[in-house]
Amino acid sequence: MTSYTLERSSTAADLARNCAERVAALIDLALDQRDRAHIALSGGTTPAAAYRLLNQEHLPWNRVDVVLGDERWVPPTDPSSNARMLRETLLAEGGPGAAARFHPVPTELESPAASVEAFERYVRDLCPGDPPIFDVMLLGLGEDGHTASLFPGTAATQERHRLATIGAGKGLERISLTAPVLSAARQVIVLVSGAGKRQALQRLLDPNESAERTPAKLVQPQSPVLVLADLDATEGL
């Protein structure tokens, strides 16, 4: 059974700082042990502040490979693109993080299916292991219990053989790593902020909760999942 380690931060700013420091330390550890570090990051608004801080960390970023755990199937210049958000935060020019090697989901292809095929090839070539093993898997948690683009009641939650799949949520097609890849990471971090996520967080931490209702429960790594949350999200826990 998956275990969870919950760390509370007083404010959203403290949460961002804690997240950036945690990810930086894990990158440092990975680079002590291997030639390159491989990290998969979440999109969305919650981690953007953490990525801006992480951009300022003085690490050997030229030895770090960055992918997204999921991406909306939109052009890379679209305001809702997670790749665009990363380029404006973690990878922004002027900070050390800009030296990282970014491998965006190729959403400019002719169809989501073609994007899935190409993204799978990237991930398989990038990371060793079957499924590929990321050093850090930073995930978010939706109010409905989804993580990456594994939304309740969708076919993406059932995929066990492929590395990536087509997800659907909030009116957009998406490309997502699958549950086996999310679970294979050396360290999974779930970042949760705001009172709107409180119920979803309670369900995630409930050992009796079903993965059908809360797909974030599908992420089952060997090591404990580190949950970083602010006080608004953890009130009553």
Protein backbone atom coordinates (compact mmCIF):
# COMPACT_ATOMS: atom_id res chain seq x y z
CA MET A 1 0.00 0.00 0.00
CA THR A 2 1.27 3.45 -0.89
CA SER A 3 2.35 5.60 2.03
CA TYR A 4 2.30 9.39 2.18
CA THR A 5 4.47 11.90 4.00
CA LEU A 6 2.65 15.20 4.49
CA GLU A 7 4.57 18.46 4.95
CA ARG A 8 2.60 21.63 5.66
CA SER A 9 3.67 25.14 4.70
CA SER A 10 2.11 28.21 6.30
CA THR A 11 1.62 30.20 3.11
CA ALA A 12 1.63 29.73 -0.64
CA ALA A 13 5.01 31.50 -0.77
CA ASP A 14 6.46 29.10 1.81
CA LEU A 15 5.02 26.19 -0.15
CA ALA A 16 6.72 27.36 -3.34
CA ARG A 17 10.03 27.79 -1.53
CA ASN A 18 9.82 24.36 0.07
CA CYS A 19 8.98 22.74 -3.25
CA ALA A 20 11.88 24.45 -5.04
CA GLU A 21 14.32 23.45 -2.32
CA ARG A 22 13.11 19.85 -2.32
CA VAL A 23 13.39 19.47 -6.08
CA ALA A 24 16.82 21.13 -6.12
CA ALA A 25 18.07 18.74 -3.43
CA LEU A 26 16.77 15.73 -5.34
CA ILE A 27 18.44 16.92 -8.55
CA ASP A 28 21.69 17.37 -6.63
CA LEU A 29 21.40 13.85 -5.21
CA ALA A 30 20.69 12.34 -8.62
CA LEU A 31 23.69 14.07 -10.17
CA ASP A 32 25.91 12.72 -7.40
CA GLN A 33 24.90 9.23 -8.46
CA ARG A 34 24.42 9.50 -12.24
CA ASP A 35 25.62 11.54 -15.19
CA ARG A 36 22.23 13.14 -15.78
CA ALA A 37 19.11 13.87 -13.78
CA HIS A 38 15.66 13.32 -15.29
CA ILE A 39 12.73 15.23 -13.87
CA ALA A 40 9.05 15.34 -14.87
CA LEU A 41 7.10 18.41 -13.86
CA SER A 42 3.48 19.39 -13.47
CA GLY A 43 1.77 22.19 -15.28
CA GLY A 44 -0.85 24.46 -13.79
CA THR A 45 -0.76 27.58 -11.69
CA THR A 46 0.31 26.14 -8.32
CA PRO A 47 3.88 25.14 -9.26
CA ALA A 48 4.72 28.25 -11.31
CA ALA A 49 6.00 30.17 -8.26
CA ALA A 50 8.15 27.18 -7.28
CA TYR A 51 9.62 27.01 -10.79
CA ARG A 52 10.60 30.68 -10.69
CA LEU A 53 12.53 30.01 -7.48
CA LEU A 54 14.01 26.80 -8.87
CA ASN A 55 15.26 28.78 -11.88
CA GLN A 56 17.59 30.64 -9.48
CA GLU A 57 19.15 27.51 -7.96
CA HIS A 58 22.81 27.15 -8.91
CA LEU A 59 22.90 23.56 -10.10
CA PRO A 60 24.63 21.94 -13.09
CA TRP A 61 21.46 22.43 -15.12
CA ASN A 62 23.21 21.41 -18.34
CA ARG A 63 23.02 17.85 -16.95
CA VAL A 64 19.28 17.99 -16.24
CA ASP A 65 16.57 16.72 -18.60
CA VAL A 66 13.08 18.15 -18.07
CA VAL A 67 9.79 16.80 -19.39
CA LEU A 68 6.18 17.52 -18.53
CA GLY A 69 4.03 14.86 -16.90
CA ASP A 70 1.18 16.05 -19.09
CA GLU A 71 0.38 18.73 -21.61
CA ARG A 72 -2.73 20.23 -23.14
CA TRP A 73 -2.90 19.52 -26.87
CA VAL A 74 -2.49 23.17 -27.85
CA PRO A 75 0.24 25.04 -29.74
CA PRO A 76 3.35 25.74 -27.63
CA THR A 77 2.60 29.47 -27.78
CA ASP A 78 -0.94 29.07 -26.45
CA PRO A 79 -1.54 30.75 -23.05
CA SER A 80 -2.75 27.40 -21.65
CA SER A 81 0.39 25.53 -22.76
CA ASN A 82 2.35 24.00 -19.90
CA ALA A 83 5.49 24.21 -22.03
CA ARG A 84 5.00 27.94 -22.38
CA MET A 85 4.61 28.25 -18.61
CA LEU A 86 7.85 26.34 -18.04
CA ARG A 87 9.71 28.51 -20.54
CA GLU A 88 8.51 31.60 -18.66
CA THR A 89 9.47 30.25 -15.21
CA LEU A 90 12.00 27.45 -14.70
CA LEU A 91 13.59 27.90 -18.13
CA ALA A 92 13.43 31.70 -18.26
CA GLU A 93 16.48 33.42 -19.71
CA GLY A 94 18.73 35.08 -17.16
CA GLY A 95 18.50 32.33 -14.55
CA PRO A 96 20.66 29.23 -14.14
CA GLY A 97 17.66 26.98 -14.87
CA ALA A 98 17.64 28.15 -18.49
CA ALA A 99 20.54 25.74 -19.14
CA ALA A 100 18.36 22.66 -18.54
CA ARG A 101 17.51 20.49 -21.52
CA PHE A 102 13.74 20.66 -22.09
CA HIS A 103 11.85 17.95 -23.99
CA PRO A 104 8.34 19.34 -24.60
CA VAL A 105 5.41 17.24 -25.69
CA PRO A 106 5.28 17.68 -29.49
CA THR A 107 1.79 19.14 -29.73
CA GLU A 108 2.44 20.67 -33.16
CA LEU A 109 1.88 17.29 -34.86
CA GLU A 110 -1.22 16.41 -36.86
CA SER A 111 -3.14 14.63 -34.09
CA PRO A 112 -3.02 13.80 -30.38
CA ALA A 113 -2.27 10.18 -31.34
CA ALA A 114 0.80 11.28 -33.29
CA SER A 115 1.90 13.39 -30.33
CA VAL A 116 1.56 10.39 -28.01
CA GLU A 117 3.72 8.26 -30.31
CA ALA A 118 6.44 10.89 -30.51
CA PHE A 119 6.36 11.65 -26.78
CA GLU A 120 6.69 7.95 -25.96
CA ARG A 121 9.80 7.74 -28.14
CA TYR A 122 11.31 10.77 -26.40
CA VAL A 123 10.66 9.35 -22.95
CA ARG A 124 11.92 5.86 -23.82
CA ASP A 125 15.13 7.24 -25.31
CA LEU A 126 15.63 9.68 -22.46
CA CYS A 127 15.25 7.54 -19.35
CA PRO A 128 16.57 4.09 -18.52
CA GLY A 129 14.24 1.41 -17.25
CA ASP A 130 11.01 -0.27 -18.28
CA PRO A 131 8.99 1.70 -17.45
CA PRO A 132 11.39 4.67 -17.59
CA ILE A 133 12.54 5.90 -14.20
CA PHE A 134 12.51 9.62 -13.46
CA ASP A 135 14.48 10.96 -10.51
CA VAL A 136 11.69 13.39 -9.63
CA MET A 137 8.01 13.24 -10.57
CA LEU A 138 6.28 16.45 -9.48
CA LEU A 139 2.50 16.16 -9.70
CA GLY A 140 -0.49 18.29 -8.93
CA LEU A 141 -3.87 17.31 -7.57
CA GLY A 142 -7.14 18.47 -9.09
CA GLU A 143 -10.28 19.22 -7.13
CA ASP A 144 -11.80 16.12 -8.75
CA GLY A 145 -8.88 13.96 -7.66
CA HIS A 146 -7.07 13.82 -11.01
CA THR A 147 -3.32 14.01 -11.40
CA ALA A 148 -1.36 14.62 -14.61
CA SER A 149 -4.20 14.17 -17.14
CA LEU A 150 -5.67 11.07 -15.55
CA PHE A 151 -9.23 12.26 -14.96
CA PRO A 152 -11.93 10.23 -13.19
CA GLY A 153 -13.95 7.98 -15.48
CA THR A 154 -11.66 8.33 -18.52
CA ALA A 155 -9.84 5.66 -20.52
CA ALA A 156 -6.48 7.23 -19.67
CA THR A 157 -6.76 5.90 -16.12
CA GLN A 158 -6.91 2.32 -17.43
CA GLU A 159 -3.78 2.42 -19.60
CA ARG A 160 -1.08 0.09 -18.22
CA HIS A 161 1.01 -0.88 -21.26
CA ARG A 162 1.96 2.41 -22.90
CA LEU A 163 4.16 5.18 -21.55
CA ALA A 164 1.82 7.97 -22.64
CA THR A 165 -1.85 8.27 -23.48
CA ILE A 166 -4.50 10.72 -24.62
CA GLY A 167 -6.36 12.27 -21.72
CA ALA A 168 -9.45 14.44 -21.74
CA GLY A 169 -10.45 16.98 -19.14
CA LYS A 170 -11.93 20.45 -18.81
CA GLY A 171 -12.84 20.55 -22.49
CA LEU A 172 -9.36 19.87 -23.88
CA GLU A 173 -7.54 16.87 -25.23
CA ARG A 174 -4.28 16.24 -23.41
CA ILE A 175 -1.19 14.09 -23.59
CA SER A 176 -0.23 12.39 -20.32
CA LEU A 177 2.29 9.98 -18.91
CA THR A 178 0.52 6.87 -17.69
CA ALA A 179 0.17 5.58 -14.13
CA PRO A 180 3.02 3.02 -14.45
CA VAL A 181 5.47 5.75 -15.49
CA LEU A 182 4.29 8.12 -12.77
CA SER A 183 4.70 5.33 -10.23
CA ALA A 184 8.20 4.30 -11.36
CA ALA A 185 9.85 7.57 -10.26
CA ARG A 186 12.45 7.50 -7.51
CA GLN A 187 10.60 10.30 -5.73
CA VAL A 188 7.02 11.39 -6.31
CA ILE A 189 6.01 14.80 -4.97
CA VAL A 190 2.40 15.98 -4.96
CA LEU A 191 1.97 19.75 -4.66
CA VAL A 192 -1.36 20.92 -3.24
CA SER A 193 -2.50 24.48 -2.56
CA GLY A 194 -5.77 26.13 -1.62
CA ALA A 195 -9.00 25.31 0.18
CA GLY A 196 -10.52 24.06 -3.07
CA LYS A 197 -8.16 21.07 -2.97
CA ARG A 198 -8.93 20.15 0.64
CA GLN A 199 -11.46 17.41 -0.06
CA ALA A 200 -9.34 15.88 -2.83
CA LEU A 201 -6.33 15.80 -0.49
CA GLN A 202 -8.37 14.10 2.21
CA ARG A 203 -9.43 11.46 -0.30
CA LEU A 204 -5.86 10.98 -1.52
CA LEU A 205 -4.63 10.30 2.01
CA ASP A 206 -7.56 8.00 2.86
CA PRO A 207 -6.39 4.36 2.57
CA ASN A 208 -9.96 3.28 1.79
CA GLU A 209 -10.43 5.71 -1.09
CA SER A 210 -10.80 4.19 -4.57
CA ALA A 211 -8.59 5.06 -7.51
CA GLU A 212 -11.70 5.14 -9.69
CA ARG A 213 -12.98 8.22 -7.87
CA THR A 214 -9.54 9.70 -7.13
CA PRO A 215 -7.11 8.76 -9.93
CA ALA A 216 -4.17 10.29 -8.04
CA LYS A 217 -4.35 7.06 -6.01
CA LEU A 218 -3.09 5.24 -9.12
CA VAL A 219 0.38 6.65 -8.46
CA GLN A 220 1.95 3.95 -6.32
CA PRO A 221 5.74 4.28 -6.09
CA GLN A 222 7.92 2.07 -3.92
CA SER A 223 9.02 5.00 -1.78
CA PRO A 224 6.58 7.19 0.19
CA VAL A 225 4.85 9.95 -1.77
CA LEU A 226 5.87 13.36 -0.45
CA VAL A 227 2.82 15.64 -0.23
CA LEU A 228 3.68 19.34 0.03
CA ALA A 229 0.61 21.38 0.96
CA ASP A 230 -0.32 24.73 2.41
CA LEU A 231 -2.52 25.30 5.47
CA ASP A 232 -5.61 26.06 3.40
CA ALA A 233 -5.41 22.64 1.78
CA THR A 234 -4.70 20.76 5.00
CA GLU A 235 -7.21 22.37 7.36
CA GLY A 236 -8.96 19.63 9.29
CA LEU A 237 -6.41 16.93 8.52
